[in-house]
Amino acid sequence: MSRTAFRAIGLGVLAATIGWPVAAGERLKARVTPSYAQAPANVMVQAFIEPNPLNRAVSVAVDSESFYTSSVAELDGDRAPRTKRLTFSMVPAGSYTVRVTLFGADGERDHCELDLKVW
């Protein structure tokens, strides 16, 4: 394999490891892994946050008709890491809405919702 091919593969692995960055103008993106799982499931939610001095906290809520859990993590404005990972263990079977909310000093700045299916 050529040196150029190795570099291309290395850059691809690096990009995948660093995370899924937000695009210009976007404050927040999120990913839930896995999005389909067998109960009881261990679920990781990654929030990708554009650095901003106004950022104060990120909240993740996992909600269905019969189960609810949530977690809040403080952010240090534009000095906070771009990626925040939260893990939820032993999630029972159900169809869930995962809501990720970014908060500033004056309240909600942005949010996104994802689907999670646990059977």
PDB file of N, CA and C in Angstrom:
ATOM      1  N   MET A   1       0.844  -1.165   0.000  1.00  0.00           N
ATOM      2  CA  MET A   1       0.000   0.000   0.000  1.00  0.00           C
ATOM      3  C   MET A   1       0.898   1.239   0.000  1.00  0.00           C
ATOM      4  N   SER A   2       0.499   2.255  -0.711  1.00  0.00           N
ATOM      5  CA  SER A   2       1.331   3.449  -0.836  1.00  0.00           C
ATOM      6  C   SER A   2       1.232   4.327   0.415  1.00  0.00           C
ATOM      7  N   ARG A   3       2.194   5.208   0.537  1.00  0.00           N
ATOM      8  CA  ARG A   3       2.220   6.142   1.669  1.00  0.00           C
ATOM      9  C   ARG A   3       0.986   7.055   1.636  1.00  0.00           C
ATOM     10  N   THR A   4       0.536   7.450   0.450  1.00  0.00           N
ATOM     11  CA  THR A   4      -0.649   8.295   0.318  1.00  0.00           C
ATOM     12  C   THR A   4      -1.891   7.569   0.814  1.00  0.00           C
ATOM     13  N   ALA A   5      -2.015   6.292   0.500  1.00  0.00           N
ATOM     14  CA  ALA A   5      -3.161   5.513   0.964  1.00  0.00           C
ATOM     15  C   ALA A   5      -3.160   5.412   2.486  1.00  0.00           C
ATOM     16  N   PHE A   6      -1.987   5.181   3.084  1.00  0.00           N
ATOM     17  CA  PHE A   6      -1.890   5.117   4.544  1.00  0.00           C
ATOM     18  C   PHE A   6      -2.294   6.450   5.183  1.00  0.00           C
ATOM     19  N   ARG A   7      -1.873   7.541   4.587  1.00  0.00           N
ATOM     20  CA  ARG A   7      -2.256   8.859   5.116  1.00  0.00           C
ATOM     21  C   ARG A   7      -3.757   9.076   5.029  1.00  0.00           C
ATOM     22  N   ALA A   8      -4.351   8.684   3.916  1.00  0.00           N
ATOM     23  CA  ALA A   8      -5.799   8.845   3.748  1.00  0.00           C
ATOM     24  C   ALA A   8      -6.557   8.020   4.783  1.00  0.00           C
ATOM     25  N   ILE A   9      -6.120   6.793   5.004  1.00  0.00           N
ATOM     26  CA  ILE A   9      -6.760   5.939   6.001  1.00  0.00           C
ATOM     27  C   ILE A   9      -6.566   6.540   7.395  1.00  0.00           C
ATOM     28  N   GLY A  10      -5.370   6.987   7.682  1.00  0.00           N
ATOM     29  CA  GLY A  10      -5.085   7.592   8.988  1.00  0.00           C
ATOM     30  C   GLY A  10      -5.937   8.821   9.253  1.00  0.00           C
ATOM     31  N   LEU A  11      -6.088   9.675   8.243  1.00  0.00           N
ATOM     32  CA  LEU A  11      -6.930  10.868   8.406  1.00  0.00           C
ATOM     33  C   LEU A  11      -8.389  10.490   8.618  1.00  0.00           C
ATOM     34  N   GLY A  12      -8.841   9.445   7.940  1.00  0.00           N
ATOM     35  CA  GLY A  12     -10.217   8.982   8.125  1.00  0.00           C
ATOM     36  C   GLY A  12     -10.445   8.459   9.533  1.00  0.00           C
ATOM     37  N   VAL A  13      -9.499   7.677  10.038  1.00  0.00           N
ATOM     38  CA  VAL A  13      -9.603   7.159  11.409  1.00  0.00           C
ATOM     39  C   VAL A  13      -9.557   8.305  12.412  1.00  0.00           C
ATOM     40  N   LEU A  14      -8.693   9.271  12.207  1.00  0.00           N
ATOM     41  CA  LEU A  14      -8.596  10.422  13.096  1.00  0.00           C
ATOM     42  C   LEU A  14      -9.903  11.205  13.119  1.00  0.00           C
ATOM     43  N   ALA A  15     -10.469  11.454  11.958  1.00  0.00           N
ATOM     44  CA  ALA A  15     -11.738  12.191  11.890  1.00  0.00           C
ATOM     45  C   ALA A  15     -12.844  11.438  12.619  1.00  0.00           C
ATOM     46  N   ALA A  16     -12.893  10.122  12.478  1.00  0.00           N
ATOM     47  CA  ALA A  16     -13.911   9.327  13.162  1.00  0.00           C
ATOM     48  C   ALA A  16     -13.699   9.331  14.664  1.00  0.00           C
ATOM     49  N   THR A  17     -12.458   9.360  15.106  1.00  0.00           N
ATOM     50  CA  THR A  17     -12.144   9.339  16.534  1.00  0.00           C
ATOM     51  C   THR A  17     -12.468  10.672  17.198  1.00  0.00           C
ATOM     52  N   ILE A  18     -12.181  11.754  16.528  1.00  0.00           N
ATOM     53  CA  ILE A  18     -12.404  13.081  17.100  1.00  0.00           C
ATOM     54  C   ILE A  18     -13.886  13.343  17.320  1.00  0.00           C
ATOM     55  N   GLY A  19     -14.727  12.874  16.456  1.00  0.00           N
ATOM     56  CA  GLY A  19     -16.155  13.091  16.623  1.00  0.00           C
ATOM     57  C   GLY A  19     -16.786  13.688  15.388  1.00  0.00           C
ATOM     58  N   TRP A  20     -18.035  14.041  15.543  1.00  0.00           N
ATOM     59  CA  TRP A  20     -18.844  14.549  14.461  1.00  0.00           C
ATOM     60  C   TRP A  20     -19.039  16.029  14.715  1.00  0.00           C
ATOM     61  N   PRO A  21     -18.194  16.890  14.145  1.00  0.00           N
ATOM     62  CA  PRO A  21     -18.245  18.301  14.491  1.00  0.00           C
ATOM     63  C   PRO A  21     -19.509  18.980  13.971  1.00  0.00           C
ATOM     64  N   VAL A  22     -19.884  20.042  14.658  1.00  0.00           N
ATOM     65  CA  VAL A  22     -21.011  20.828  14.190  1.00  0.00           C
ATOM     66  C   VAL A  22     -20.565  21.658  12.999  1.00  0.00           C
ATOM     67  N   ALA A  23     -21.492  21.913  12.100  1.00  0.00           N
ATOM     68  CA  ALA A  23     -21.195  22.730  10.926  1.00  0.00           C
ATOM     69  C   ALA A  23     -21.247  24.207  11.321  1.00  0.00           C
ATOM     70  N   ALA A  24     -20.713  25.036  10.481  1.00  0.00           N
ATOM     71  CA  ALA A  24     -20.717  26.473  10.741  1.00  0.00           C
ATOM     72  C   ALA A  24     -22.144  26.957  10.971  1.00  0.00           C
ATOM     73  N   GLY A  25     -22.347  27.710  12.025  1.00  0.00           N
ATOM     74  CA  GLY A  25     -23.659  28.252  12.320  1.00  0.00           C
ATOM     75  C   GLY A  25     -24.529  27.341  13.175  1.00  0.00           C
ATOM     76  N   GLU A  26     -24.132  26.079  13.335  1.00  0.00           N
ATOM     77  CA  GLU A  26     -24.896  25.159  14.177  1.00  0.00           C
ATOM     78  C   GLU A  26     -24.319  25.166  15.582  1.00  0.00           C
ATOM     79  N   ARG A  27     -25.181  25.232  16.578  1.00  0.00           N
ATOM     80  CA  ARG A  27     -24.719  25.230  17.959  1.00  0.00           C
ATOM     81  C   ARG A  27     -24.589  23.826  18.519  1.00  0.00           C
ATOM     82  N   LEU A  28     -25.442  22.890  18.013  1.00  0.00           N
ATOM     83  CA  LEU A  28     -25.542  21.587  18.649  1.00  0.00           C
ATOM     84  C   LEU A  28     -25.939  20.514  17.645  1.00  0.00           C
ATOM     85  N   LYS A  29     -25.268  19.374  17.733  1.00  0.00           N
ATOM     86  CA  LYS A  29     -25.653  18.140  17.040  1.00  0.00           C
ATOM     87  C   LYS A  29     -25.520  17.032  18.061  1.00  0.00           C
ATOM     88  N   ALA A  30     -26.162  15.902  17.806  1.00  0.00           N
ATOM     89  CA  ALA A  30     -26.062  14.786  18.746  1.00  0.00           C
ATOM     90  C   ALA A  30     -26.148  13.467  18.003  1.00  0.00           C
ATOM     91  N   ARG A  31     -25.652  12.422  18.685  1.00  0.00           N
ATOM     92  CA  ARG A  31     -25.702  11.070  18.147  1.00  0.00           C
ATOM     93  C   ARG A  31     -25.952  10.124  19.318  1.00  0.00           C
ATOM     94  N   VAL A  32     -26.811   9.125  19.112  1.00  0.00           N
ATOM     95  CA  VAL A  32     -27.058   8.098  20.119  1.00  0.00           C
ATOM     96  C   VAL A  32     -26.542   6.770  19.568  1.00  0.00           C
ATOM     97  N   THR A  33     -25.787   6.042  20.416  1.00  0.00           N
ATOM     98  CA  THR A  33     -25.177   4.786  19.989  1.00  0.00           C
ATOM     99  C   THR A  33     -25.424   3.723  21.042  1.00  0.00           C
ATOM    100  N   PRO A  34     -25.980   2.595  20.685  1.00  0.00           N
ATOM    101  CA  PRO A  34     -26.622   2.275  19.411  1.00  0.00           C
ATOM    102  C   PRO A  34     -28.002   2.920  19.358  1.00  0.00           C
ATOM    103  N   SER A  35     -28.538   3.072  18.177  1.00  0.00           N
ATOM    104  CA  SER A  35     -29.888   3.626  18.057  1.00  0.00           C
ATOM    105  C   SER A  35     -30.940   2.523  18.108  1.00  0.00           C
ATOM    106  N   TYR A  36     -30.511   1.264  17.943  1.00  0.00           N
ATOM    107  CA  TYR A  36     -31.357   0.073  18.104  1.00  0.00           C
ATOM    108  C   TYR A  36     -30.577  -0.898  18.980  1.00  0.00           C
ATOM    109  N   ALA A  37     -31.211  -1.386  20.054  1.00  0.00           N
ATOM    110  CA  ALA A  37     -30.486  -2.247  20.989  1.00  0.00           C
ATOM    111  C   ALA A  37     -31.426  -3.236  21.660  1.00  0.00           C
ATOM    112  N   GLN A  38     -30.834  -4.276  22.225  1.00  0.00           N
ATOM    113  CA  GLN A  38     -31.585  -5.271  22.980  1.00  0.00           C
ATOM    114  C   GLN A  38     -31.536  -4.890  24.460  1.00  0.00           C
ATOM    115  N   ALA A  39     -32.680  -5.021  25.135  1.00  0.00           N
ATOM    116  CA  ALA A  39     -32.793  -4.663  26.549  1.00  0.00           C
ATOM    117  C   ALA A  39     -32.120  -5.714  27.425  1.00  0.00           C
ATOM    118  N   PRO A  40     -31.602  -5.304  28.547  1.00  0.00           N
ATOM    119  CA  PRO A  40     -31.364  -3.918  28.967  1.00  0.00           C
ATOM    120  C   PRO A  40     -30.149  -3.357  28.234  1.00  0.00           C
ATOM    121  N   ALA A  41     -30.271  -2.134  27.776  1.00  0.00           N
ATOM    122  CA  ALA A  41     -29.255  -1.558  26.891  1.00  0.00           C
ATOM    123  C   ALA A  41     -28.389  -0.535  27.617  1.00  0.00           C
ATOM    124  N   ASN A  42     -27.137  -0.489  27.217  1.00  0.00           N
ATOM    125  CA  ASN A  42     -26.236   0.586  27.609  1.00  0.00           C
ATOM    126  C   ASN A  42     -26.138   1.525  26.417  1.00  0.00           C
ATOM    127  N   VAL A  43     -26.517   2.761  26.626  1.00  0.00           N
ATOM    128  CA  VAL A  43     -26.641   3.724  25.536  1.00  0.00           C
ATOM    129  C   VAL A  43     -25.714   4.907  25.795  1.00  0.00           C
ATOM    130  N   MET A  44     -24.972   5.302  24.772  1.00  0.00           N
ATOM    131  CA  MET A  44     -24.116   6.477  24.869  1.00  0.00           C
ATOM    132  C   MET A  44     -24.699   7.576  23.987  1.00  0.00           C
ATOM    133  N   VAL A  45     -24.818   8.758  24.553  1.00  0.00           N
ATOM    134  CA  VAL A  45     -25.271   9.929  23.804  1.00  0.00           C
ATOM    135  C   VAL A  45     -24.096  10.891  23.733  1.00  0.00           C
ATOM    136  N   GLN A  46     -23.762  11.299  22.514  1.00  0.00           N
ATOM    137  CA  GLN A  46     -22.691  12.269  22.298  1.00  0.00           C
ATOM    138  C   GLN A  46     -23.321  13.578  21.844  1.00  0.00           C
ATOM    139  N   ALA A  47     -22.967  14.655  22.522  1.00  0.00           N
ATOM    140  CA  ALA A  47     -23.404  15.989  22.122  1.00  0.00           C
ATOM    141  C   ALA A  47     -22.194  16.708  21.541  1.00  0.00           C
ATOM    142  N   PHE A  48     -22.357  17.228  20.338  1.00  0.00           N
ATOM    143  CA  PHE A  48     -21.300  17.972  19.654  1.00  0.00           C
ATOM    144  C   PHE A  48     -21.688  19.444  19.722  1.00  0.00           C
ATOM    145  N   ILE A  49     -20.901  20.231  20.447  1.00  0.00           N
ATOM    146  CA  ILE A  49     -21.279  21.584  20.819  1.00  0.00           C
ATOM    147  C   ILE A  49     -20.282  22.586  20.252  1.00  0.00           C
ATOM    148  N   GLU A  50     -20.800  23.576  19.551  1.00  0.00           N
ATOM    149  CA  GLU A  50     -19.955  24.647  19.038  1.00  0.00           C
ATOM    150  C   GLU A  50     -19.498  25.501  20.230  1.00  0.00           C
ATOM    151  N   PRO A  51     -18.188  25.691  20.413  1.00  0.00           N
ATOM    152  CA  PRO A  51     -17.714  26.495  21.544  1.00  0.00           C
ATOM    153  C   PRO A  51     -18.286  27.913  21.494  1.00  0.00           C
ATOM    154  N   ASN A  52     -18.733  28.378  22.657  1.00  0.00           N
ATOM    155  CA  ASN A  52     -19.299  29.709  22.752  1.00  0.00           C
ATOM    156  C   ASN A  52     -19.226  30.143  24.214  1.00  0.00           C
ATOM    157  N   PRO A  53     -18.848  31.389  24.490  1.00  0.00           N
ATOM    158  CA  PRO A  53     -18.774  31.847  25.882  1.00  0.00           C
ATOM    159  C   PRO A  53     -20.112  31.774  26.615  1.00  0.00           C
ATOM    160  N   LEU A  54     -21.221  31.741  25.879  1.00  0.00           N
ATOM    161  CA  LEU A  54     -22.543  31.698  26.504  1.00  0.00           C
ATOM    162  C   LEU A  54     -22.956  30.299  26.968  1.00  0.00           C
ATOM    163  N   ASN A  55     -22.288  29.246  26.503  1.00  0.00           N
ATOM    164  CA  ASN A  55     -22.654  27.875  26.862  1.00  0.00           C
ATOM    165  C   ASN A  55     -22.419  27.634  28.356  1.00  0.00           C
ATOM    166  N   ARG A  56     -23.455  27.116  29.037  1.00  0.00           N
ATOM    167  CA  ARG A  56     -23.350  26.858  30.472  1.00  0.00           C
ATOM    168  C   ARG A  56     -23.600  25.399  30.846  1.00  0.00           C
ATOM    169  N   ALA A  57     -24.480  24.700  30.102  1.00  0.00           N
ATOM    170  CA  ALA A  57     -24.800  23.308  30.453  1.00  0.00           C
ATOM    171  C   ALA A  57     -25.408  22.601  29.252  1.00  0.00           C
ATOM    172  N   VAL A  58     -25.310  21.272  29.274  1.00  0.00           N
ATOM    173  CA  VAL A  58     -25.985  20.438  28.289  1.00  0.00           C
ATOM    174  C   VAL A  58     -26.774  19.389  29.067  1.00  0.00           C
ATOM    175  N   SER A  59     -28.003  19.171  28.641  1.00  0.00           N
ATOM    176  CA  SER A  59     -28.886  18.204  29.282  1.00  0.00           C
ATOM    177  C   SER A  59     -29.249  17.127  28.278  1.00  0.00           C
ATOM    178  N   VAL A  60     -29.290  15.876  28.740  1.00  0.00           N
ATOM    179  CA  VAL A  60     -29.722  14.755  27.903  1.00  0.00           C
ATOM    180  C   VAL A  60     -30.841  14.044  28.641  1.00  0.00           C
ATOM    181  N   ALA A  61     -31.997  13.898  27.988  1.00  0.00           N
ATOM    182  CA  ALA A  61     -33.138  13.181  28.559  1.00  0.00           C
ATOM    183  C   ALA A  61     -33.501  12.023  27.648  1.00  0.00           C
ATOM    184  N   VAL A  62     -33.706  10.846  28.244  1.00  0.00           N
ATOM    185  CA  VAL A  62     -34.115   9.635  27.525  1.00  0.00           C
ATOM    186  C   VAL A  62     -35.515   9.320  28.030  1.00  0.00           C
ATOM    187  N   ASP A  63     -36.516   9.428  27.148  1.00  0.00           N
ATOM    188  CA  ASP A  63     -37.910   9.411  27.587  1.00  0.00           C
ATOM    189  C   ASP A  63     -38.774   8.471  26.745  1.00  0.00           C
ATOM    190  N   SER A  64     -39.572   7.633  27.431  1.00  0.00           N
ATOM    191  CA  SER A  64     -40.583   6.800  26.779  1.00  0.00           C
ATOM    192  C   SER A  64     -41.847   6.876  27.629  1.00  0.00           C
ATOM    193  N   GLU A  65     -42.873   6.110  27.248  1.00  0.00           N
ATOM    194  CA  GLU A  65     -44.111   6.117  28.021  1.00  0.00           C
ATOM    195  C   GLU A  65     -43.935   5.529  29.415  1.00  0.00           C
ATOM    196  N   SER A  66     -42.967   4.609  29.579  1.00  0.00           N
ATOM    197  CA  SER A  66     -42.837   3.915  30.865  1.00  0.00           C
ATOM    198  C   SER A  66     -41.490   4.119  31.564  1.00  0.00           C
ATOM    199  N   PHE A  67     -40.585   4.901  30.979  1.00  0.00           N
ATOM    200  CA  PHE A  67     -39.270   5.074  31.585  1.00  0.00           C
ATOM    201  C   PHE A  67     -38.725   6.452  31.232  1.00  0.00           C
ATOM    202  N   TYR A  68     -38.052   7.073  32.210  1.00  0.00           N
ATOM    203  CA  TYR A  68     -37.434   8.376  31.986  1.00  0.00           C
ATOM    204  C   TYR A  68     -36.136   8.443  32.790  1.00  0.00           C
ATOM    205  N   THR A  69     -35.105   8.956  32.166  1.00  0.00           N
ATOM    206  CA  THR A  69     -33.862   9.261  32.866  1.00  0.00           C
ATOM    207  C   THR A  69     -33.238  10.480  32.191  1.00  0.00           C
ATOM    208  N   SER A  70     -32.448  11.209  32.959  1.00  0.00           N
ATOM    209  CA  SER A  70     -31.795  12.381  32.378  1.00  0.00           C
ATOM    210  C   SER A  70     -30.511  12.675  33.140  1.00  0.00           C
ATOM    211  N   SER A  71     -29.697  13.512  32.534  1.00  0.00           N
ATOM    212  CA  SER A  71     -28.442  13.932  33.142  1.00  0.00           C
ATOM    213  C   SER A  71     -28.093  15.322  32.622  1.00  0.00           C
ATOM    214  N   VAL A  72     -27.460  16.105  33.468  1.00  0.00           N
ATOM    215  CA  VAL A  72     -27.027  17.450  33.094  1.00  0.00           C
ATOM    216  C   VAL A  72     -25.524  17.559  33.359  1.00  0.00           C
ATOM    217  N   ALA A  73     -24.814  18.144  32.413  1.00  0.00           N
ATOM    218  CA  ALA A  73     -23.380  18.370  32.569  1.00  0.00           C
ATOM    219  C   ALA A  73     -23.095  19.859  32.391  1.00  0.00           C
ATOM    220  N   GLU A  74     -22.322  20.411  33.299  1.00  0.00           N
ATOM    221  CA  GLU A  74     -21.939  21.817  33.194  1.00  0.00           C
ATOM    222  C   GLU A  74     -20.904  21.999  32.086  1.00  0.00           C
ATOM    223  N   LEU A  75     -20.941  23.184  31.452  1.00  0.00           N
ATOM    224  CA  LEU A  75     -19.982  23.542  30.412  1.00  0.00           C
ATOM    225  C   LEU A  75     -19.285  24.826  30.817  1.00  0.00           C
ATOM    226  N   ASP A  76     -18.024  24.949  30.479  1.00  0.00           N
ATOM    227  CA  ASP A  76     -17.234  26.127  30.809  1.00  0.00           C
ATOM    228  C   ASP A  76     -17.116  27.042  29.591  1.00  0.00           C
ATOM    229  N   GLY A  77     -18.273  27.467  29.075  1.00  0.00           N
ATOM    230  CA  GLY A  77     -18.292  28.400  27.950  1.00  0.00           C
ATOM    231  C   GLY A  77     -17.509  27.899  26.754  1.00  0.00           C
ATOM    232  N   ASP A  78     -16.690  28.786  26.167  1.00  0.00           N
ATOM    233  CA  ASP A  78     -15.916  28.413  24.977  1.00  0.00           C
ATOM    234  C   ASP A  78     -14.675  27.593  25.323  1.00  0.00           C
ATOM    235  N   ARG A  79     -14.419  27.350  26.607  1.00  0.00           N
ATOM    236  CA  ARG A  79     -13.293  26.504  27.016  1.00  0.00           C
ATOM    237  C   ARG A  79     -13.715  25.040  27.217  1.00  0.00           C
ATOM    238  N   ALA A  80     -14.995  24.767  27.077  1.00  0.00           N
ATOM    239  CA  ALA A  80     -15.500  23.399  27.257  1.00  0.00           C
ATOM    240  C   ALA A  80     -15.126  22.535  26.051  1.00  0.00           C
ATOM    241  N   PRO A  81     -14.960  21.226  26.255  1.00  0.00           N
ATOM    242  CA  PRO A  81     -14.699  20.339  25.114  1.00  0.00           C
ATOM    243  C   PRO A  81     -15.847  20.395  24.104  1.00  0.00           C
ATOM    244  N   ARG A  82     -15.530  20.192  22.849  1.00  0.00           N
ATOM    245  CA  ARG A  82     -16.555  20.201  21.797  1.00  0.00           C
ATOM    246  C   ARG A  82     -17.506  19.020  21.900  1.00  0.00           C
ATOM    247  N   THR A  83     -17.042  17.917  22.474  1.00  0.00           N
ATOM    248  CA  THR A  83     -17.858  16.707  22.569  1.00  0.00           C
ATOM    249  C   THR A  83     -18.092  16.360  24.028  1.00  0.00           C
ATOM    250  N   LYS A  84     -19.352  16.144  24.366  1.00  0.00           N
ATOM    251  CA  LYS A  84     -19.714  15.699  25.709  1.00  0.00           C
ATOM    252  C   LYS A  84     -20.403  14.351  25.564  1.00  0.00           C
ATOM    253  N   ARG A  85     -19.894  13.333  26.280  1.00  0.00           N
ATOM    254  CA  ARG A  85     -20.456  11.984  26.211  1.00  0.00           C
ATOM    255  C   ARG A  85     -21.127  11.640  27.531  1.00  0.00           C
ATOM    256  N   LEU A  86     -22.365  11.166  27.429  1.00  0.00           N
ATOM    257  CA  LEU A  86     -23.104  10.707  28.597  1.00  0.00           C
ATOM    258  C   LEU A  86     -23.583   9.294  28.319  1.00  0.00           C
ATOM    259  N   THR A  87     -23.443   8.407  29.306  1.00  0.00           N
ATOM    260  CA  THR A  87     -23.842   7.013  29.145  1.00  0.00           C
ATOM    261  C   THR A  87     -24.981   6.688  30.095  1.00  0.00           C
ATOM    262  N   PHE A  88     -25.966   5.971  29.573  1.00  0.00           N
ATOM    263  CA  PHE A  88     -27.106   5.525  30.358  1.00  0.00           C
ATOM    264  C   PHE A  88     -27.101   3.998  30.353  1.00  0.00           C
ATOM    265  N   SER A  89     -27.109   3.405  31.544  1.00  0.00           N
ATOM    266  CA  SER A  89     -27.022   1.951  31.672  1.00  0.00           C
ATOM    267  C   SER A  89     -28.379   1.343  31.981  1.00  0.00           C
ATOM    268  N   MET A  90     -28.537   0.101  31.552  1.00  0.00           N
ATOM    269  CA  MET A  90     -29.719  -0.705  31.873  1.00  0.00           C
ATOM    270  C   MET A  90     -31.035  -0.059  31.408  1.00  0.00           C
ATOM    271  N   VAL A  91     -31.041   0.512  30.209  1.00  0.00           N
ATOM    272  CA  VAL A  91     -32.254   1.120  29.657  1.00  0.00           C
ATOM    273  C   VAL A  91     -33.198  -0.013  29.247  1.00  0.00           C
ATOM    274  N   PRO A  92     -34.426  -0.037  29.774  1.00  0.00           N
ATOM    275  CA  PRO A  92     -35.357  -1.127  29.459  1.00  0.00           C
ATOM    276  C   PRO A  92     -35.964  -0.989  28.059  1.00  0.00           C
ATOM    277  N   ALA A  93     -36.658  -2.036  27.635  1.00  0.00           N
ATOM    278  CA  ALA A  93     -37.292  -2.052  26.311  1.00  0.00           C
ATOM    279  C   ALA A  93     -38.280  -0.895  26.176  1.00  0.00           C
ATOM    280  N   GLY A  94     -38.331  -0.344  24.976  1.00  0.00           N
ATOM    281  CA  GLY A  94     -39.269   0.741  24.700  1.00  0.00           C
ATOM    282  C   GLY A  94     -38.816   1.572  23.517  1.00  0.00           C
ATOM    283  N   SER A  95     -39.702   2.459  23.086  1.00  0.00           N
ATOM    284  CA  SER A  95     -39.388   3.433  22.039  1.00  0.00           C
ATOM    285  C   SER A  95     -39.159   4.772  22.730  1.00  0.00           C
ATOM    286  N   TYR A  96     -37.984   5.330  22.530  1.00  0.00           N
ATOM    287  CA  TYR A  96     -37.561   6.512  23.266  1.00  0.00           C
ATOM    288  C   TYR A  96     -37.338   7.719  22.359  1.00  0.00           C
ATOM    289  N   THR A  97     -37.544   8.881  22.952  1.00  0.00           N
ATOM    290  CA  THR A  97     -37.077  10.132  22.376  1.00  0.00           C
ATOM    291  C   THR A  97     -35.911  10.581  23.240  1.00  0.00           C
ATOM    292  N   VAL A  98     -34.785  10.816  22.598  1.00  0.00           N
ATOM    293  CA  VAL A  98     -33.605  11.330  23.291  1.00  0.00           C
ATOM    294  C   VAL A  98     -33.525  12.808  22.946  1.00  0.00           C
ATOM    295  N   ARG A  99     -33.641  13.654  23.964  1.00  0.00           N
ATOM    296  CA  ARG A  99     -33.612  15.106  23.747  1.00  0.00           C
ATOM    297  C   ARG A  99     -32.334  15.663  24.372  1.00  0.00           C
ATOM    298  N   VAL A 100     -31.549  16.337  23.533  1.00  0.00           N
ATOM    299  CA  VAL A 100     -30.309  16.972  23.978  1.00  0.00           C
ATOM    300  C   VAL A 100     -30.540  18.481  23.921  1.00  0.00           C
ATOM    301  N   THR A 101     -30.315  19.150  25.045  1.00  0.00           N
ATOM    302  CA  THR A 101     -30.593  20.585  25.141  1.00  0.00           C
ATOM    303  C   THR A 101     -29.343  21.323  25.603  1.00  0.00           C
ATOM    304  N   LEU A 102     -29.006  22.385  24.906  1.00  0.00           N
ATOM    305  CA  LEU A 102     -27.892  23.251  25.246  1.00  0.00           C
ATOM    306  C   LEU A 102     -28.442  24.489  25.950  1.00  0.00           C
ATOM    307  N   PHE A 103     -27.877  24.802  27.136  1.00  0.00           N
ATOM    308  CA  PHE A 103     -28.341  25.937  27.918  1.00  0.00           C
ATOM    309  C   PHE A 103     -27.267  27.005  28.024  1.00  0.00           C
ATOM    310  N   GLY A 104     -27.727  28.259  28.040  1.00  0.00           N
ATOM    311  CA  GLY A 104     -26.878  29.404  28.317  1.00  0.00           C
ATOM    312  C   GLY A 104     -27.349  30.059  29.595  1.00  0.00           C
ATOM    313  N   ALA A 105     -26.770  31.194  29.933  1.00  0.00           N
ATOM    314  CA  ALA A 105     -27.152  31.905  31.147  1.00  0.00           C
ATOM    315  C   ALA A 105     -28.612  32.343  31.114  1.00  0.00           C
ATOM    316  N   ASP A 106     -29.152  32.575  29.924  1.00  0.00           N
ATOM    317  CA  ASP A 106     -30.533  33.050  29.784  1.00  0.00           C
ATOM    318  C   ASP A 106     -31.515  31.944  29.423  1.00  0.00           C
ATOM    319  N   GLY A 107     -31.123  30.674  29.551  1.00  0.00           N
ATOM    320  CA  GLY A 107     -32.037  29.573  29.241  1.00  0.00           C
ATOM    321  C   GLY A 107     -31.585  28.769  28.039  1.00  0.00           C
ATOM    322  N   GLU A 108     -32.551  28.107  27.399  1.00  0.00           N
ATOM    323  CA  GLU A 108     -32.247  27.201  26.288  1.00  0.00           C
ATOM    324  C   GLU A 108     -31.683  27.956  25.096  1.00  0.00           C
ATOM    325  N   ARG A 109     -30.560  27.447  24.570  1.00  0.00           N
ATOM    326  CA  ARG A 109     -29.938  28.025  23.379  1.00  0.00           C
ATOM    327  C   ARG A 109     -30.256  27.209  22.134  1.00  0.00           C
ATOM    328  N   ASP A 110     -30.380  25.867  22.298  1.00  0.00           N
ATOM    329  CA  ASP A 110     -30.647  24.984  21.158  1.00  0.00           C
ATOM    330  C   ASP A 110     -31.009  23.604  21.695  1.00  0.00           C
ATOM    331  N   HIS A 111     -31.619  22.794  20.852  1.00  0.00           N
ATOM    332  CA  HIS A 111     -31.896  21.408  21.223  1.00  0.00           C
ATOM    333  C   HIS A 111     -32.021  20.566  19.960  1.00  0.00           C
ATOM    334  N   CYS A 112     -31.917  19.261  20.139  1.00  0.00           N
ATOM    335  CA  CYS A 112     -32.181  18.319  19.059  1.00  0.00           C
ATOM    336  C   CYS A 112     -32.772  17.050  19.660  1.00  0.00           C
ATOM    337  N   GLU A 113     -33.513  16.307  18.843  1.00  0.00           N
ATOM    338  CA  GLU A 113     -34.158  15.081  19.287  1.00  0.00           C
ATOM    339  C   GLU A 113     -33.775  13.929  18.392  1.00  0.00           C
ATOM    340  N   LEU A 114     -33.567  12.768  19.006  1.00  0.00           N
ATOM    341  CA  LEU A 114     -33.190  11.544  18.301  1.00  0.00           C
ATOM    342  C   LEU A 114     -34.100  10.411  18.745  1.00  0.00           C
ATOM    343  N   ASP A 115     -34.226   9.391  17.905  1.00  0.00           N
ATOM    344  CA  ASP A 115     -35.011   8.206  18.254  1.00  0.00           C
ATOM    345  C   ASP A 115     -34.097   7.098  18.749  1.00  0.00           C
ATOM    346  N   LEU A 116     -34.602   6.348  19.717  1.00  0.00           N
ATOM    347  CA  LEU A 116     -33.897   5.192  20.254  1.00  0.00           C
ATOM    348  C   LEU A 116     -34.921   4.066  20.414  1.00  0.00           C
ATOM    349  N   LYS A 117     -34.614   2.886  19.882  1.00  0.00           N
ATOM    350  CA  LYS A 117     -35.479   1.721  20.009  1.00  0.00           C
ATOM    351  C   LYS A 117     -34.729   0.640  20.775  1.00  0.00           C
ATOM    352  N   VAL A 118     -35.317   0.192  21.874  1.00  0.00           N
ATOM    353  CA  VAL A 118     -34.754  -0.899  22.671  1.00  0.00           C
ATOM    354  C   VAL A 118     -35.809  -1.998  22.720  1.00  0.00           C
ATOM    355  N   TRP A 119     -35.455  -3.215  22.266  1.00  0.00           N
ATOM    356  CA  TRP A 119     -36.424  -4.298  22.263  1.00  0.00           C
ATOM    357  C   TRP A 119     -36.056  -5.383  23.237  1.00  0.00           C
TER     358      TRP A 119
END
